[in-house]
Amino acid sequence: ANTYYWIDPARDVTGVILMQVLPFADGQCLEAFAGFERGIYAGLDAADQKAA
């Protein structure tokens, strides 16, 4: 299984992505995790810009 997470106390955000795919560290799973994280930060950045 491929389970990844991150904790960013500076931005007050955490993320978890769980996938039932083998092998561990599968390239497509790593790409999905990276895209998931980028998407979260893009949303946070957009919200910050609207609030400013």
PDB file of N, CA and C in Angstrom:
ATOM      1  N   ALA A   1       0.839  -1.182   0.000  1.00  0.00           N
ATOM      2  CA  ALA A   1       0.000   0.000   0.000  1.00  0.00           C
ATOM      3  C   ALA A   1       0.884   1.245   0.000  1.00  0.00           C
ATOM      4  N   ASN A   2       0.350   2.302  -0.488  1.00  0.00           N
ATOM      5  CA  ASN A   2       1.056   3.581  -0.549  1.00  0.00           C
ATOM      6  C   ASN A   2       0.282   4.595   0.275  1.00  0.00           C
ATOM      7  N   THR A   3       0.835   4.961   1.399  1.00  0.00           N
ATOM      8  CA  THR A   3       0.239   5.939   2.300  1.00  0.00           C
ATOM      9  C   THR A   3       1.267   7.025   2.565  1.00  0.00           C
ATOM     10  N   TYR A   4       0.879   8.258   2.332  1.00  0.00           N
ATOM     11  CA  TYR A   4       1.801   9.380   2.499  1.00  0.00           C
ATOM     12  C   TYR A   4       1.088  10.502   3.244  1.00  0.00           C
ATOM     13  N   TYR A   5       1.867  11.299   3.944  1.00  0.00           N
ATOM     14  CA  TYR A   5       1.297  12.428   4.677  1.00  0.00           C
ATOM     15  C   TYR A   5       2.341  13.521   4.793  1.00  0.00           C
ATOM     16  N   TRP A   6       1.876  14.711   5.137  1.00  0.00           N
ATOM     17  CA  TRP A   6       2.786  15.791   5.494  1.00  0.00           C
ATOM     18  C   TRP A   6       2.105  16.654   6.542  1.00  0.00           C
ATOM     19  N   ILE A   7       2.937  17.332   7.308  1.00  0.00           N
ATOM     20  CA  ILE A   7       2.482  18.265   8.339  1.00  0.00           C
ATOM     21  C   ILE A   7       3.256  19.555   8.142  1.00  0.00           C
ATOM     22  N   ASP A   8       2.537  20.653   7.994  1.00  0.00           N
ATOM     23  CA  ASP A   8       3.163  21.953   7.793  1.00  0.00           C
ATOM     24  C   ASP A   8       2.648  22.906   8.869  1.00  0.00           C
ATOM     25  N   PRO A   9       3.343  22.982  10.005  1.00  0.00           N
ATOM     26  CA  PRO A   9       2.864  23.855  11.077  1.00  0.00           C
ATOM     27  C   PRO A   9       2.904  25.340  10.708  1.00  0.00           C
ATOM     28  N   ALA A  10       3.780  25.724   9.797  1.00  0.00           N
ATOM     29  CA  ALA A  10       3.865  27.131   9.401  1.00  0.00           C
ATOM     30  C   ALA A  10       2.591  27.575   8.676  1.00  0.00           C
ATOM     31  N   ARG A  11       2.018  26.700   7.867  1.00  0.00           N
ATOM     32  CA  ARG A  11       0.781  27.017   7.138  1.00  0.00           C
ATOM     33  C   ARG A  11      -0.458  26.473   7.845  1.00  0.00           C
ATOM     34  N   ASP A  12      -0.249  25.757   8.939  1.00  0.00           N
ATOM     35  CA  ASP A  12      -1.337  25.153   9.714  1.00  0.00           C
ATOM     36  C   ASP A  12      -2.171  24.213   8.845  1.00  0.00           C
ATOM     37  N   VAL A  13      -1.481  23.311   8.152  1.00  0.00           N
ATOM     38  CA  VAL A  13      -2.163  22.370   7.261  1.00  0.00           C
ATOM     39  C   VAL A  13      -1.483  21.005   7.343  1.00  0.00           C
ATOM     40  N   THR A  14      -2.284  19.981   7.196  1.00  0.00           N
ATOM     41  CA  THR A  14      -1.768  18.614   7.087  1.00  0.00           C
ATOM     42  C   THR A  14      -2.475  17.949   5.920  1.00  0.00           C
ATOM     43  N   GLY A  15      -1.868  16.902   5.420  1.00  0.00           N
ATOM     44  CA  GLY A  15      -2.494  16.148   4.350  1.00  0.00           C
ATOM     45  C   GLY A  15      -2.166  14.681   4.469  1.00  0.00           C
ATOM     46  N   VAL A  16      -3.129  13.844   4.081  1.00  0.00           N
ATOM     47  CA  VAL A  16      -2.951  12.395   4.082  1.00  0.00           C
ATOM     48  C   VAL A  16      -3.566  11.859   2.805  1.00  0.00           C
ATOM     49  N   ILE A  17      -2.854  10.984   2.126  1.00  0.00           N
ATOM     50  CA  ILE A  17      -3.385  10.299   0.953  1.00  0.00           C
ATOM     51  C   ILE A  17      -3.086   8.817   1.117  1.00  0.00           C
ATOM     52  N   LEU A  18      -4.107   7.992   0.953  1.00  0.00           N
ATOM     53  CA  LEU A  18      -3.987   6.549   1.134  1.00  0.00           C
ATOM     54  C   LEU A  18      -4.401   5.856  -0.157  1.00  0.00           C
ATOM     55  N   MET A  19      -3.558   4.960  -0.639  1.00  0.00           N
ATOM     56  CA  MET A  19      -3.838   4.242  -1.880  1.00  0.00           C
ATOM     57  C   MET A  19      -3.555   2.762  -1.679  1.00  0.00           C
ATOM     58  N   GLN A  20      -4.430   1.922  -2.165  1.00  0.00           N
ATOM     59  CA  GLN A  20      -4.250   0.474  -2.077  1.00  0.00           C
ATOM     60  C   GLN A  20      -3.625  -0.025  -3.379  1.00  0.00           C
ATOM     61  N   VAL A  21      -2.366   0.338  -3.584  1.00  0.00           N
ATOM     62  CA  VAL A  21      -1.640  -0.002  -4.804  1.00  0.00           C
ATOM     63  C   VAL A  21      -0.267  -0.517  -4.409  1.00  0.00           C
ATOM     64  N   LEU A  22       0.149  -1.596  -5.011  1.00  0.00           N
ATOM     65  CA  LEU A  22       1.505  -2.114  -4.833  1.00  0.00           C
ATOM     66  C   LEU A  22       2.237  -1.954  -6.145  1.00  0.00           C
ATOM     67  N   PRO A  23       3.545  -1.806  -6.095  1.00  0.00           N
ATOM     68  CA  PRO A  23       4.452  -1.869  -4.958  1.00  0.00           C
ATOM     69  C   PRO A  23       4.514  -0.525  -4.228  1.00  0.00           C
ATOM     70  N   PHE A  24       5.091  -0.550  -3.024  1.00  0.00           N
ATOM     71  CA  PHE A  24       5.313   0.673  -2.273  1.00  0.00           C
ATOM     72  C   PHE A  24       6.199   1.599  -3.091  1.00  0.00           C
ATOM     73  N   ALA A  25       5.947   2.878  -2.993  1.00  0.00           N
ATOM     74  CA  ALA A  25       6.693   3.918  -3.717  1.00  0.00           C
ATOM     75  C   ALA A  25       6.512   3.791  -5.228  1.00  0.00           C
ATOM     76  N   ASP A  26       5.339   3.327  -5.641  1.00  0.00           N
ATOM     77  CA  ASP A  26       4.999   3.252  -7.055  1.00  0.00           C
ATOM     78  C   ASP A  26       5.078   4.655  -7.660  1.00  0.00           C
ATOM     79  N   GLY A  27       5.647   4.760  -8.826  1.00  0.00           N
ATOM     80  CA  GLY A  27       5.848   6.063  -9.459  1.00  0.00           C
ATOM     81  C   GLY A  27       4.571   6.861  -9.637  1.00  0.00           C
ATOM     82  N   GLN A  28       3.501   6.212 -10.072  1.00  0.00           N
ATOM     83  CA  GLN A  28       2.236   6.921 -10.268  1.00  0.00           C
ATOM     84  C   GLN A  28       1.644   7.381  -8.939  1.00  0.00           C
ATOM     85  N   CYS A  29       1.835   6.600  -7.890  1.00  0.00           N
ATOM     86  CA  CYS A  29       1.353   7.005  -6.565  1.00  0.00           C
ATOM     87  C   CYS A  29       2.129   8.215  -6.060  1.00  0.00           C
ATOM     88  N   LEU A  30       3.435   8.215  -6.278  1.00  0.00           N
ATOM     89  CA  LEU A  30       4.241   9.362  -5.861  1.00  0.00           C
ATOM     90  C   LEU A  30       3.838  10.616  -6.625  1.00  0.00           C
ATOM     91  N   GLU A  31       3.530  10.461  -7.918  1.00  0.00           N
ATOM     92  CA  GLU A  31       3.055  11.597  -8.709  1.00  0.00           C
ATOM     93  C   GLU A  31       1.703  12.090  -8.189  1.00  0.00           C
ATOM     94  N   ALA A  32       0.822  11.162  -7.822  1.00  0.00           N
ATOM     95  CA  ALA A  32      -0.485  11.544  -7.277  1.00  0.00           C
ATOM     96  C   ALA A  32      -0.319  12.309  -5.970  1.00  0.00           C
ATOM     97  N   PHE A  33       0.576  11.847  -5.118  1.00  0.00           N
ATOM     98  CA  PHE A  33       0.829  12.530  -3.848  1.00  0.00           C
ATOM     99  C   PHE A  33       1.363  13.935  -4.094  1.00  0.00           C
ATOM    100  N   ALA A  34       2.322  14.061  -5.000  1.00  0.00           N
ATOM    101  CA  ALA A  34       2.893  15.376  -5.301  1.00  0.00           C
ATOM    102  C   ALA A  34       1.819  16.313  -5.851  1.00  0.00           C
ATOM    103  N   GLY A  35       0.967  15.808  -6.740  1.00  0.00           N
ATOM    104  CA  GLY A  35      -0.110  16.624  -7.288  1.00  0.00           C
ATOM    105  C   GLY A  35      -1.132  17.017  -6.238  1.00  0.00           C
ATOM    106  N   PHE A  36      -1.432  16.096  -5.334  1.00  0.00           N
ATOM    107  CA  PHE A  36      -2.352  16.368  -4.228  1.00  0.00           C
ATOM    108  C   PHE A  36      -1.815  17.498  -3.364  1.00  0.00           C
ATOM    109  N   GLU A  37      -0.543  17.411  -3.002  1.00  0.00           N
ATOM    110  CA  GLU A  37       0.073  18.438  -2.157  1.00  0.00           C
ATOM    111  C   GLU A  37       0.117  19.787  -2.876  1.00  0.00           C
ATOM    112  N   ARG A  38       0.503  19.777  -4.152  1.00  0.00           N
ATOM    113  CA  ARG A  38       0.522  21.026  -4.926  1.00  0.00           C
ATOM    114  C   ARG A  38      -0.869  21.655  -4.985  1.00  0.00           C
ATOM    115  N   GLY A  39      -1.887  20.822  -5.174  1.00  0.00           N
ATOM    116  CA  GLY A  39      -3.255  21.324  -5.244  1.00  0.00           C
ATOM    117  C   GLY A  39      -3.712  21.969  -3.948  1.00  0.00           C
ATOM    118  N   ILE A  40      -3.353  21.364  -2.836  1.00  0.00           N
ATOM    119  CA  ILE A  40      -3.717  21.931  -1.531  1.00  0.00           C
ATOM    120  C   ILE A  40      -3.077  23.303  -1.366  1.00  0.00           C
ATOM    121  N   TYR A  41      -1.777  23.391  -1.662  1.00  0.00           N
ATOM    122  CA  TYR A  41      -1.089  24.673  -1.497  1.00  0.00           C
ATOM    123  C   TYR A  41      -1.587  25.712  -2.496  1.00  0.00           C
ATOM    124  N   ALA A  42      -1.950  25.291  -3.699  1.00  0.00           N
ATOM    125  CA  ALA A  42      -2.507  26.234  -4.671  1.00  0.00           C
ATOM    126  C   ALA A  42      -3.824  26.805  -4.151  1.00  0.00           C
ATOM    127  N   GLY A  43      -4.648  25.961  -3.553  1.00  0.00           N
ATOM    128  CA  GLY A  43      -5.900  26.428  -2.971  1.00  0.00           C
ATOM    129  C   GLY A  43      -5.676  27.372  -1.804  1.00  0.00           C
ATOM    130  N   LEU A  44      -4.711  27.046  -0.964  1.00  0.00           N
ATOM    131  CA  LEU A  44      -4.391  27.925   0.162  1.00  0.00           C
ATOM    132  C   LEU A  44      -3.875  29.272  -0.326  1.00  0.00           C
ATOM    133  N   ASP A  45      -3.003  29.244  -1.337  1.00  0.00           N
ATOM    134  CA  ASP A  45      -2.465  30.489  -1.881  1.00  0.00           C
ATOM    135  C   ASP A  45      -3.575  31.347  -2.489  1.00  0.00           C
ATOM    136  N   ALA A  46      -4.505  30.710  -3.209  1.00  0.00           N
ATOM    137  CA  ALA A  46      -5.614  31.452  -3.810  1.00  0.00           C
ATOM    138  C   ALA A  46      -6.492  32.074  -2.729  1.00  0.00           C
ATOM    139  N   ALA A  47      -6.739  31.336  -1.661  1.00  0.00           N
ATOM    140  CA  ALA A  47      -7.549  31.867  -0.559  1.00  0.00           C
ATOM    141  C   ALA A  47      -6.831  33.026   0.128  1.00  0.00           C
ATOM    142  N   ASP A  48      -5.517  32.912   0.283  1.00  0.00           N
ATOM    143  CA  ASP A  48      -4.742  33.998   0.893  1.00  0.00           C
ATOM    144  C   ASP A  48      -4.809  35.262   0.039  1.00  0.00           C
ATOM    145  N   GLN A  49      -4.741  35.104  -1.288  1.00  0.00           N
ATOM    146  CA  GLN A  49      -4.787  36.262  -2.182  1.00  0.00           C
ATOM    147  C   GLN A  49      -6.153  36.941  -2.135  1.00  0.00           C
ATOM    148  N   LYS A  50      -7.214  36.148  -2.016  1.00  0.00           N
ATOM    149  CA  LYS A  50      -8.556  36.735  -1.925  1.00  0.00           C
ATOM    150  C   LYS A  50      -8.733  37.497  -0.620  1.00  0.00           C
ATOM    151  N   ALA A  51      -8.119  36.988   0.440  1.00  0.00           N
ATOM    152  CA  ALA A  51      -8.258  37.615   1.757  1.00  0.00           C
ATOM    153  C   ALA A  51      -7.441  38.896   1.870  1.00  0.00           C
ATOM    154  N   ALA A  52      -6.428  39.046   1.014  1.00  0.00           N
ATOM    155  CA  ALA A  52      -5.541  40.219   1.102  1.00  0.00           C
ATOM    156  C   ALA A  52      -6.162  41.442   0.474  1.00  0.00           C
TER     157      ALA A  52
END
